[in-house]
Amino acid sequence: MPLLNVMLQAATDLGPFAQMGAGLGAAVAALAAAIGIGNIGRSALESIARQPEAAGDIRSNMIISAALIEGVSFFAIVISLLIVVL
């Protein structure tokens, strides 16, 4: 039981650091998603410029990829905010 008490005390003492880390994690997730979606858009525009006849396929793949990246980033941000609130 003493080990459990020590662990609980450490968890309560490190609460502000956990909140700061959660905020940093949310910022990193948003920044990484923005960079990823920007790279997808750049690559798609370059591909469409090289092969205009494939614009529809490239555009649909770009939208699917951007949606998947956005979903992962929203998940990371929600988890980070839950850490802050709880």
N, C-alpha and C. Protein backbone atom coordinates (compact mmCIF):
# COMPACT_ATOMS: atom_id res chain seq x y z
N MET A 1 0.79 -1.22 0.00
CA MET A 1 0.00 0.00 0.00
C MET A 1 0.83 1.28 0.00
N PRO A 2 2.00 1.31 0.63
CA PRO A 2 2.77 2.55 0.60
C PRO A 2 3.17 2.96 -0.81
N LEU A 3 3.43 1.97 -1.68
CA LEU A 3 3.81 2.30 -3.05
C LEU A 3 2.65 2.97 -3.78
N LEU A 4 1.44 2.50 -3.54
CA LEU A 4 0.27 3.11 -4.16
C LEU A 4 0.09 4.55 -3.68
N ASN A 5 0.30 4.78 -2.40
CA ASN A 5 0.20 6.15 -1.88
C ASN A 5 1.24 7.07 -2.50
N VAL A 6 2.45 6.57 -2.68
CA VAL A 6 3.51 7.38 -3.29
C VAL A 6 3.15 7.70 -4.74
N MET A 7 2.62 6.71 -5.47
CA MET A 7 2.25 6.93 -6.87
C MET A 7 1.11 7.93 -6.98
N LEU A 8 0.12 7.84 -6.11
CA LEU A 8 -0.99 8.78 -6.14
C LEU A 8 -0.52 10.20 -5.80
N GLN A 9 0.39 10.32 -4.86
CA GLN A 9 0.92 11.63 -4.51
C GLN A 9 1.70 12.22 -5.69
N ALA A 10 2.48 11.39 -6.36
CA ALA A 10 3.25 11.87 -7.51
C ALA A 10 2.31 12.30 -8.63
N ALA A 11 1.22 11.58 -8.83
CA ALA A 11 0.27 11.93 -9.88
C ALA A 11 -0.40 13.27 -9.59
N THR A 12 -0.73 13.54 -8.35
CA THR A 12 -1.36 14.82 -8.01
C THR A 12 -0.35 15.96 -8.06
N ASP A 13 0.91 15.68 -7.73
CA ASP A 13 1.94 16.73 -7.79
C ASP A 13 2.28 17.11 -9.22
N LEU A 14 2.15 16.17 -10.16
CA LEU A 14 2.53 16.43 -11.55
C LEU A 14 1.34 16.87 -12.40
N GLY A 15 0.21 17.20 -11.80
CA GLY A 15 -0.98 17.61 -12.55
C GLY A 15 -0.76 18.79 -13.47
N PRO A 16 -0.15 19.88 -13.00
CA PRO A 16 0.07 21.02 -13.91
C PRO A 16 0.99 20.68 -15.08
N PHE A 17 1.97 19.81 -14.85
CA PHE A 17 2.86 19.42 -15.94
C PHE A 17 2.11 18.58 -16.98
N ALA A 18 1.18 17.76 -16.51
CA ALA A 18 0.38 16.96 -17.44
C ALA A 18 -0.50 17.87 -18.30
N GLN A 19 -1.05 18.89 -17.70
CA GLN A 19 -1.88 19.82 -18.46
C GLN A 19 -1.05 20.61 -19.47
N MET A 20 0.15 20.99 -19.07
CA MET A 20 1.02 21.70 -20.00
C MET A 20 1.43 20.77 -21.15
N GLY A 21 1.71 19.52 -20.84
CA GLY A 21 2.05 18.56 -21.88
C GLY A 21 0.89 18.29 -22.81
N ALA A 22 -0.33 18.27 -22.27
CA ALA A 22 -1.51 18.05 -23.11
C ALA A 22 -1.72 19.22 -24.05
N GLY A 23 -1.52 20.42 -23.57
CA GLY A 23 -1.63 21.59 -24.44
C GLY A 23 -0.57 21.58 -25.53
N LEU A 24 0.63 21.19 -25.18
CA LEU A 24 1.71 21.09 -26.16
C LEU A 24 1.40 19.99 -27.18
N GLY A 25 0.83 18.89 -26.70
CA GLY A 25 0.46 17.80 -27.61
C GLY A 25 -0.61 18.21 -28.60
N ALA A 26 -1.59 18.98 -28.14
CA ALA A 26 -2.64 19.46 -29.04
C ALA A 26 -2.06 20.41 -30.08
N ALA A 27 -1.14 21.26 -29.67
CA ALA A 27 -0.51 22.19 -30.62
C ALA A 27 0.31 21.45 -31.66
N VAL A 28 1.05 20.44 -31.22
CA VAL A 28 1.87 19.66 -32.16
C VAL A 28 0.98 18.90 -33.13
N ALA A 29 -0.13 18.34 -32.64
CA ALA A 29 -1.05 17.60 -33.52
C ALA A 29 -1.65 18.52 -34.58
N ALA A 30 -2.05 19.72 -34.18
CA ALA A 30 -2.62 20.66 -35.15
C ALA A 30 -1.58 21.12 -36.16
N LEU A 31 -0.37 21.37 -35.71
CA LEU A 31 0.70 21.80 -36.61
C LEU A 31 1.08 20.69 -37.59
N ALA A 32 1.19 19.47 -37.10
CA ALA A 32 1.54 18.35 -37.97
C ALA A 32 0.45 18.10 -39.01
N ALA A 33 -0.81 18.23 -38.61
CA ALA A 33 -1.91 18.05 -39.57
C ALA A 33 -1.88 19.14 -40.63
N ALA A 34 -1.60 20.36 -40.24
CA ALA A 34 -1.53 21.45 -41.21
C ALA A 34 -0.40 21.24 -42.20
N ILE A 35 0.74 20.79 -41.72
CA ILE A 35 1.87 20.53 -42.61
C ILE A 35 1.54 19.37 -43.55
N GLY A 36 0.93 18.31 -43.01
CA GLY A 36 0.59 17.16 -43.84
C GLY A 36 -0.42 17.49 -44.93
N ILE A 37 -1.46 18.21 -44.57
CA ILE A 37 -2.48 18.57 -45.56
C ILE A 37 -1.89 19.54 -46.59
N GLY A 38 -1.00 20.42 -46.16
CA GLY A 38 -0.34 21.32 -47.10
C GLY A 38 0.52 20.56 -48.10
N ASN A 39 1.23 19.55 -47.62
CA ASN A 39 2.04 18.73 -48.52
C ASN A 39 1.18 17.95 -49.50
N ILE A 40 0.04 17.46 -49.04
CA ILE A 40 -0.88 16.75 -49.93
C ILE A 40 -1.39 17.68 -51.01
N GLY A 41 -1.79 18.89 -50.63
CA GLY A 41 -2.29 19.86 -51.61
C GLY A 41 -1.23 20.24 -52.63
N ARG A 42 0.00 20.47 -52.15
CA ARG A 42 1.08 20.82 -53.07
C ARG A 42 1.35 19.70 -54.07
N SER A 43 1.41 18.49 -53.56
CA SER A 43 1.68 17.35 -54.45
C SER A 43 0.55 17.13 -55.43
N ALA A 44 -0.67 17.32 -54.97
CA ALA A 44 -1.81 17.14 -55.87
C ALA A 44 -1.82 18.18 -56.98
N LEU A 45 -1.52 19.43 -56.63
CA LEU A 45 -1.47 20.47 -57.66
C LEU A 45 -0.35 20.21 -58.67
N GLU A 46 0.79 19.75 -58.20
CA GLU A 46 1.88 19.41 -59.11
C GLU A 46 1.47 18.25 -60.02
N SER A 47 0.80 17.26 -59.47
CA SER A 47 0.37 16.11 -60.26
C SER A 47 -0.67 16.51 -61.30
N ILE A 48 -1.59 17.36 -60.92
CA ILE A 48 -2.62 17.82 -61.87
C ILE A 48 -1.98 18.65 -62.97
N ALA A 49 -0.96 19.44 -62.63
CA ALA A 49 -0.28 20.24 -63.65
C ALA A 49 0.44 19.35 -64.65
N ARG A 50 0.97 18.21 -64.18
CA ARG A 50 1.68 17.31 -65.08
C ARG A 50 0.73 16.45 -65.91
N GLN A 51 -0.38 16.03 -65.31
CA GLN A 51 -1.35 15.19 -66.02
C GLN A 51 -2.76 15.73 -65.80
N PRO A 52 -3.16 16.71 -66.57
CA PRO A 52 -4.49 17.32 -66.38
C PRO A 52 -5.64 16.33 -66.59
N GLU A 53 -5.43 15.30 -67.38
CA GLU A 53 -6.52 14.34 -67.63
C GLU A 53 -6.82 13.48 -66.42
N ALA A 54 -5.92 13.41 -65.46
CA ALA A 54 -6.13 12.61 -64.25
C ALA A 54 -6.57 13.48 -63.07
N ALA A 55 -7.06 14.67 -63.34
CA ALA A 55 -7.39 15.62 -62.26
C ALA A 55 -8.46 15.07 -61.32
N GLY A 56 -9.47 14.40 -61.86
CA GLY A 56 -10.55 13.90 -61.01
C GLY A 56 -10.08 12.85 -60.02
N ASP A 57 -9.27 11.90 -60.49
CA ASP A 57 -8.75 10.86 -59.61
C ASP A 57 -7.81 11.44 -58.56
N ILE A 58 -6.96 12.36 -58.99
CA ILE A 58 -6.01 12.96 -58.06
C ILE A 58 -6.75 13.77 -57.00
N ARG A 59 -7.76 14.51 -57.41
CA ARG A 59 -8.52 15.33 -56.47
C ARG A 59 -9.24 14.46 -55.44
N SER A 60 -9.85 13.37 -55.88
CA SER A 60 -10.58 12.52 -54.93
C SER A 60 -9.62 11.84 -53.95
N ASN A 61 -8.46 11.40 -54.44
CA ASN A 61 -7.47 10.82 -53.53
C ASN A 61 -6.93 11.86 -52.56
N MET A 62 -6.78 13.11 -53.01
CA MET A 62 -6.32 14.17 -52.14
C MET A 62 -7.32 14.43 -51.02
N ILE A 63 -8.59 14.47 -51.36
CA ILE A 63 -9.62 14.74 -50.36
C ILE A 63 -9.69 13.61 -49.33
N ILE A 64 -9.59 12.37 -49.78
CA ILE A 64 -9.62 11.24 -48.85
C ILE A 64 -8.42 11.28 -47.92
N SER A 65 -7.24 11.54 -48.46
CA SER A 65 -6.03 11.61 -47.63
C SER A 65 -6.11 12.75 -46.62
N ALA A 66 -6.58 13.90 -47.05
CA ALA A 66 -6.71 15.05 -46.14
C ALA A 66 -7.73 14.75 -45.04
N ALA A 67 -8.81 14.07 -45.38
CA ALA A 67 -9.81 13.73 -44.37
C ALA A 67 -9.26 12.76 -43.34
N LEU A 68 -8.45 11.80 -43.78
CA LEU A 68 -7.85 10.86 -42.83
C LEU A 68 -6.87 11.56 -41.90
N ILE A 69 -6.06 12.45 -42.43
CA ILE A 69 -5.12 13.19 -41.58
C ILE A 69 -5.89 14.08 -40.61
N GLU A 70 -6.94 14.71 -41.08
CA GLU A 70 -7.73 15.58 -40.21
C GLU A 70 -8.41 14.79 -39.09
N GLY A 71 -8.88 13.60 -39.41
CA GLY A 71 -9.50 12.75 -38.39
C GLY A 71 -8.52 12.35 -37.31
N VAL A 72 -7.31 12.00 -37.69
CA VAL A 72 -6.30 11.63 -36.70
C VAL A 72 -5.94 12.83 -35.83
N SER A 73 -5.83 14.00 -36.45
CA SER A 73 -5.47 15.18 -35.66
C SER A 73 -6.59 15.57 -34.70
N PHE A 74 -7.84 15.46 -35.13
CA PHE A 74 -8.96 15.74 -34.22
C PHE A 74 -8.95 14.76 -33.05
N PHE A 75 -8.66 13.51 -33.32
CA PHE A 75 -8.59 12.51 -32.24
C PHE A 75 -7.50 12.89 -31.24
N ALA A 76 -6.33 13.29 -31.73
CA ALA A 76 -5.23 13.67 -30.84
C ALA A 76 -5.59 14.92 -30.03
N ILE A 77 -6.25 15.87 -30.65
CA ILE A 77 -6.62 17.10 -29.94
C ILE A 77 -7.68 16.81 -28.88
N VAL A 78 -8.64 15.95 -29.20
CA VAL A 78 -9.68 15.60 -28.21
C VAL A 78 -9.06 14.88 -27.02
N ILE A 79 -8.15 13.95 -27.28
CA ILE A 79 -7.48 13.25 -26.18
C ILE A 79 -6.70 14.23 -25.32
N SER A 80 -6.01 15.17 -25.95
CA SER A 80 -5.25 16.17 -25.19
C SER A 80 -6.17 17.04 -24.34
N LEU A 81 -7.30 17.44 -24.90
CA LEU A 81 -8.24 18.26 -24.13
C LEU A 81 -8.89 17.47 -23.00
N LEU A 82 -9.11 16.18 -23.21
CA LEU A 82 -9.63 15.35 -22.12
C LEU A 82 -8.63 15.26 -20.98
N ILE A 83 -7.35 15.22 -21.30
CA ILE A 83 -6.34 15.20 -20.25
C ILE A 83 -6.38 16.49 -19.45
N VAL A 84 -6.60 17.60 -20.13
CA VAL A 84 -6.65 18.90 -19.44
C VAL A 84 -7.88 18.97 -18.53
N VAL A 85 -9.02 18.51 -19.03
CA VAL A 85 -10.28 18.65 -18.28
C VAL A 85 -10.35 17.65 -17.13
N LEU A 86 -9.93 16.42 -17.38
CA LEU A 86 -10.07 15.39 -16.35
C LEU A 86 -8.89 15.34 -15.47
